[in-house]
Structure formats: structure tokens, C-alpha cells
């Protein structure tokens, strides 16, 4: 029975990988360019949060925040992002999650694979305003969804970066900010800070 289960899982995995290869085109990768695959962010915003597409908003903002002359980002759409990342010739894979804690209440964070790190403070990042402005030019961004944030809401942003082979490059990191007023965009600065860390890390020799 155990062998049968293992065989079944292997077959499912093989079919899934084949499906990815058939349905997801592999963009051409230019020489000297570092490619980061962005896994669709997870979002725990609460039932009272009326902005439905938080993952897309975060993903669009990440695309702007990680923009660099020698870096390109692509979105990983499948249920097997690690396999998709290899097929799309990604050098790194970026994972993230957003959690909204209503009104500063207390509660534990759920588990999310690699994303279980200690909280750190957000430094002042001068790029945050520019990133918010650039991302706002898209229909959906972290800045556009901030209208759903209420005073004293605590927004947590968790992220990690791995190499294509799964090796940890940036360990799980957790940042938090509280909204000082309704509509306070406390997410874009956290995404901006994460992007700075990522770009600095991958540029090191």
C-alpha cells in the first residue's frame, strides 16, 4: 500500500510537471541577467477586508520594487513553483505572505513552510515613495489596496529567497508596521525594504 501511494504521488508529479512544460512558455533569458521568479504571495487579510486581489497587488508592487538593470522578474503561476522556476531558468525564487491583524489585536502567525522567522523593524527606505508611485500606475498595487487598511491595523510581511536548487539565500524574514490612520499604506515600505535586501544580496560576489 505504501509503495502504491508513492507510485501514485510520483505519477501525479510527473503529469503536473508535463502540464507546466506544455502550458507555460519559457521566456528567453538574456546573457548577464539575473532572473527572479516571484511565487504568488499568500494573503491572510481577514473576512472584513474588501480588497479581493491582494496577491496580485503585492506581486505587481514586487515587480516594480525589484526592477534593476541586471535583474528581471517573472511570475510563477503553477502549483509547482520550484519546477516552474527551473523550466523558466530562474536563478532565484521569492516567496512571501501578507497578514493583516485587525485593530492591533493579538494572534499567532500560521505556518508557511520556510516563512517562519523573527520579526525585524522596517528602516526608512527612500525608494518606498517612488515604488508606490510607479506601482500605482498599474491597475492593482499595494498602494491601491491600502484604502482597506484601518487605523491600528497591523500589517505583517513575510518573505524569503532561495536559489533555484532550493538552497536558502535569504532566510525567512518577518516585518511589521501599524497603520496610523485609515488608508495608511504600511505595506509598500515593507515590500520596498525587502526588495532592497534581495537586490543587495544577489549582487554580492
Protein backbone atom coordinates (compact mmCIF):
# COMPACT_ATOMS: atom_id res chain seq x y z
CA UNK A 1 0.00 0.00 0.00
CA UNK A 2 2.85 2.37 0.88
CA UNK A 3 4.60 1.64 -2.41
CA UNK A 4 1.35 2.19 -4.26
CA UNK A 5 0.91 5.59 -2.62
CA UNK A 6 4.48 6.63 -3.50
CA UNK A 7 3.94 5.50 -7.09
CA UNK A 8 0.70 7.46 -7.31
CA UNK A 9 2.37 10.62 -5.98
CA UNK A 10 5.22 10.22 -8.46
CA UNK A 11 2.78 9.83 -11.35
CA UNK A 12 0.83 12.92 -10.28
CA UNK A 13 4.06 14.89 -10.02
CA UNK A 14 5.15 13.76 -13.47
CA UNK A 15 1.82 14.74 -15.00
CA UNK A 16 1.93 18.12 -13.25
CA UNK A 17 5.46 18.80 -14.49
CA UNK A 18 4.45 17.84 -18.02
CA UNK A 19 1.45 20.14 -17.79
CA UNK A 20 3.67 23.03 -16.70
CA UNK A 21 6.02 22.42 -19.63
CA UNK A 22 3.12 22.43 -22.10
CA UNK A 23 1.14 25.40 -20.78
CA UNK A 24 3.79 27.85 -19.53
CA UNK A 25 6.12 29.32 -22.15
CA UNK A 26 9.76 29.77 -21.16
CA UNK A 27 10.85 33.38 -21.84
CA UNK A 28 14.23 33.87 -23.47
CA UNK A 29 16.87 34.76 -20.89
CA UNK A 30 19.47 37.34 -21.89
CA UNK A 31 23.12 36.83 -21.02
CA UNK A 32 24.25 38.54 -17.82
CA UNK A 33 20.72 38.94 -16.47
CA UNK A 34 19.67 37.54 -13.09
CA UNK A 35 16.13 36.17 -13.15
CA UNK A 36 13.93 36.08 -10.04
CA UNK A 37 10.77 34.02 -10.06
CA UNK A 38 8.03 35.51 -7.89
CA UNK A 39 5.71 32.93 -6.35
CA UNK A 40 2.14 34.19 -5.97
CA UNK A 41 2.07 35.75 -2.47
CA UNK A 42 -0.17 34.27 0.20
CA UNK A 43 -2.59 36.65 1.91
CA UNK A 44 -4.43 36.48 5.22
CA UNK A 45 -6.36 39.73 5.35
CA UNK A 46 -9.48 38.83 7.33
CA UNK A 47 -13.07 38.42 6.18
CA UNK A 48 -13.81 42.13 6.67
CA UNK A 49 -11.11 43.20 4.22
CA UNK A 50 -12.89 44.06 0.98
CA UNK A 51 -9.91 44.11 -1.38
CA UNK A 52 -10.15 40.76 -3.12
CA UNK A 53 -6.92 40.53 -5.11
CA UNK A 54 -4.21 41.14 -2.52
CA UNK A 55 -1.78 38.57 -4.03
CA UNK A 56 -1.86 40.31 -7.42
CA UNK A 57 -1.42 43.74 -5.80
CA UNK A 58 1.64 42.56 -3.87
CA UNK A 59 3.07 40.77 -6.89
CA UNK A 60 2.74 43.86 -9.11
CA UNK A 61 4.44 46.01 -6.47
CA UNK A 62 7.26 43.48 -6.13
CA UNK A 63 7.83 43.58 -9.88
CA UNK A 64 8.41 47.34 -9.68
CA UNK A 65 10.45 47.18 -6.46
CA UNK A 66 12.84 44.55 -7.86
CA UNK A 67 13.35 46.33 -11.17
CA UNK A 68 17.05 46.72 -11.93
CA UNK A 69 19.33 46.97 -14.97
CA UNK A 70 20.71 43.47 -14.46
CA UNK A 71 17.67 41.86 -12.82
CA UNK A 72 14.38 40.70 -14.28
CA UNK A 73 11.36 39.16 -12.60
CA UNK A 74 8.82 36.68 -13.86
CA UNK A 75 5.67 35.41 -12.21
CA UNK A 76 5.42 31.73 -11.27
CA UNK A 77 1.83 30.70 -11.89
CA UNK A 78 1.71 26.95 -11.35
CA UNK A 79 1.04 24.82 -8.29
CA UNK A 80 4.65 23.60 -8.50
CA UNK A 81 6.65 26.86 -8.48
CA UNK A 82 10.01 25.18 -7.89
CA UNK A 83 9.67 23.06 -11.04
CA UNK A 84 8.33 26.02 -12.98
CA UNK A 85 11.27 28.15 -11.81
CA UNK A 86 13.74 25.64 -13.24
CA UNK A 87 11.83 25.45 -16.52
CA UNK A 88 11.82 29.25 -16.75
CA UNK A 89 15.55 29.35 -15.99
CA UNK A 90 15.19 31.34 -12.77
CA UNK A 91 18.29 31.97 -10.68
CA UNK A 92 16.24 32.68 -7.55
CA UNK A 93 12.74 32.13 -6.22
CA UNK A 94 11.00 34.70 -4.00
CA UNK A 95 8.29 33.65 -1.52
CA UNK A 96 6.11 35.99 0.52
CA UNK A 97 2.97 36.35 2.61
CA UNK A 98 0.92 39.28 3.87
CA UNK A 99 -1.05 39.16 7.11
CA UNK A 100 -3.45 41.80 8.38
CA UNK A 101 -4.21 41.87 12.09
CA UNK A 102 -7.32 43.95 12.62
CA UNK A 103 -7.09 46.87 15.03
CA UNK A 104 -3.80 45.76 16.60
CA UNK A 105 -5.32 42.65 18.21
CA UNK A 106 -3.13 39.73 19.19
CA UNK A 107 -2.93 36.40 17.47
CA UNK A 108 -0.39 33.82 16.35
CA UNK A 109 1.03 33.57 12.85
CA UNK A 110 0.28 30.39 10.98
CA UNK A 111 2.97 28.24 9.42
CA UNK A 112 4.06 28.72 5.83
CA UNK A 113 6.90 26.39 5.00
CA UNK A 114 10.10 28.42 5.04
CA UNK A 115 8.49 31.64 6.22
CA UNK A 116 8.97 31.35 9.97
CA UNK A 117 11.48 33.95 11.08
CA UNK A 118 11.97 36.55 13.79
CA UNK A 119 10.37 39.96 13.35
CA UNK A 120 12.58 42.88 12.40
CA UNK A 121 12.00 46.63 12.28
CA UNK A 122 11.48 48.42 8.97
CA UNK A 123 14.19 51.01 8.28
CA UNK A 124 13.36 54.24 6.47
CA UNK A 125 13.54 53.39 2.78
CA UNK A 126 13.64 56.39 0.45
CA UNK A 127 12.59 54.26 -2.51
CA UNK A 128 9.21 53.44 -0.98
CA UNK A 129 7.52 56.58 -2.31
CA UNK A 130 8.92 56.12 -5.79
CA UNK A 131 7.94 52.46 -5.81
CA UNK A 132 4.43 53.27 -4.63
CA UNK A 133 4.10 55.85 -7.38
CA UNK A 134 5.41 53.55 -10.10
CA UNK A 135 3.32 50.61 -8.91
CA UNK A 136 0.25 52.83 -8.73
CA UNK A 137 0.49 53.23 -12.50
CA UNK A 138 -0.72 49.63 -12.71
CA UNK A 139 -4.39 48.95 -12.06
CA UNK A 140 -3.65 46.90 -8.95
CA UNK A 141 -0.85 47.57 -6.44
CA UNK A 142 -0.14 47.59 -2.71
CA UNK A 143 -0.72 51.34 -2.73
CA UNK A 144 -4.15 50.99 -4.33
CA UNK A 145 -5.25 48.35 -1.83
CA UNK A 146 -4.17 50.40 1.19
CA UNK A 147 -7.58 52.05 1.22
CA UNK A 148 -8.75 48.92 3.01
CA UNK A 149 -6.33 49.43 5.91
CA UNK A 150 -7.85 50.91 9.05
CA UNK A 151 -6.20 52.83 11.86
CA UNK A 152 -4.24 50.50 14.18
CA UNK A 153 -4.34 47.57 11.73
CA UNK A 154 -1.05 45.69 11.89
CA UNK A 155 0.30 44.55 8.54
CA UNK A 156 2.93 41.81 8.55
CA UNK A 157 5.07 41.00 5.53
CA UNK A 158 6.99 37.73 5.45
CA UNK A 159 9.48 36.82 2.75
CA UNK A 160 12.36 34.54 1.86
CA UNK A 161 14.61 33.94 -1.14
CA UNK A 162 16.02 30.65 -2.35
CA UNK A 163 18.34 29.65 -5.15
CA UNK A 164 16.85 27.63 -7.98
CA UNK A 165 18.01 24.42 -6.31
CA UNK A 166 16.11 25.30 -3.11
CA UNK A 167 19.13 26.48 -1.10
CA UNK A 168 18.22 29.33 1.26
CA UNK A 169 19.75 32.65 0.17
CA UNK A 170 17.77 34.99 2.44
CA UNK A 171 16.28 33.20 5.43
CA UNK A 172 12.69 33.75 6.44
CA UNK A 173 12.23 37.36 7.48
CA UNK A 174 9.20 39.00 9.09
CA UNK A 175 8.50 42.74 9.15
CA UNK A 176 5.56 44.60 10.68
CA UNK A 177 4.00 48.06 10.60
CA UNK A 178 0.84 49.52 12.13
CA UNK A 179 -1.44 51.89 10.26
CA UNK A 180 -1.57 55.31 11.96
CA UNK A 181 -4.75 56.28 10.15
CA UNK A 182 -7.32 54.86 7.76
CA UNK A 183 -5.82 54.21 4.33
CA UNK A 184 -2.24 54.37 5.61
CA UNK A 185 -0.04 52.48 3.14
CA UNK A 186 2.16 50.49 5.51
CA UNK A 187 2.72 47.62 3.07
CA UNK A 188 4.63 49.30 0.22
CA UNK A 189 7.51 50.37 2.54
CA UNK A 190 7.87 46.77 3.71
CA UNK A 191 7.92 45.42 0.16
CA UNK A 192 10.42 48.14 -0.75
CA UNK A 193 12.69 47.20 2.15
CA UNK A 194 12.52 43.51 1.20
CA UNK A 195 13.45 44.36 -2.40
CA UNK A 196 16.49 46.34 -1.23
CA UNK A 197 17.68 43.36 0.81
CA UNK A 198 17.17 41.00 -2.13
CA UNK A 199 18.98 43.19 -4.66
CA UNK A 200 21.90 43.77 -2.31
CA UNK A 201 22.18 40.05 -1.62
CA UNK A 202 22.15 38.81 -5.19
CA UNK A 203 24.64 41.47 -6.32
CA UNK A 204 27.27 40.38 -3.83
CA UNK A 205 30.14 38.49 -5.49
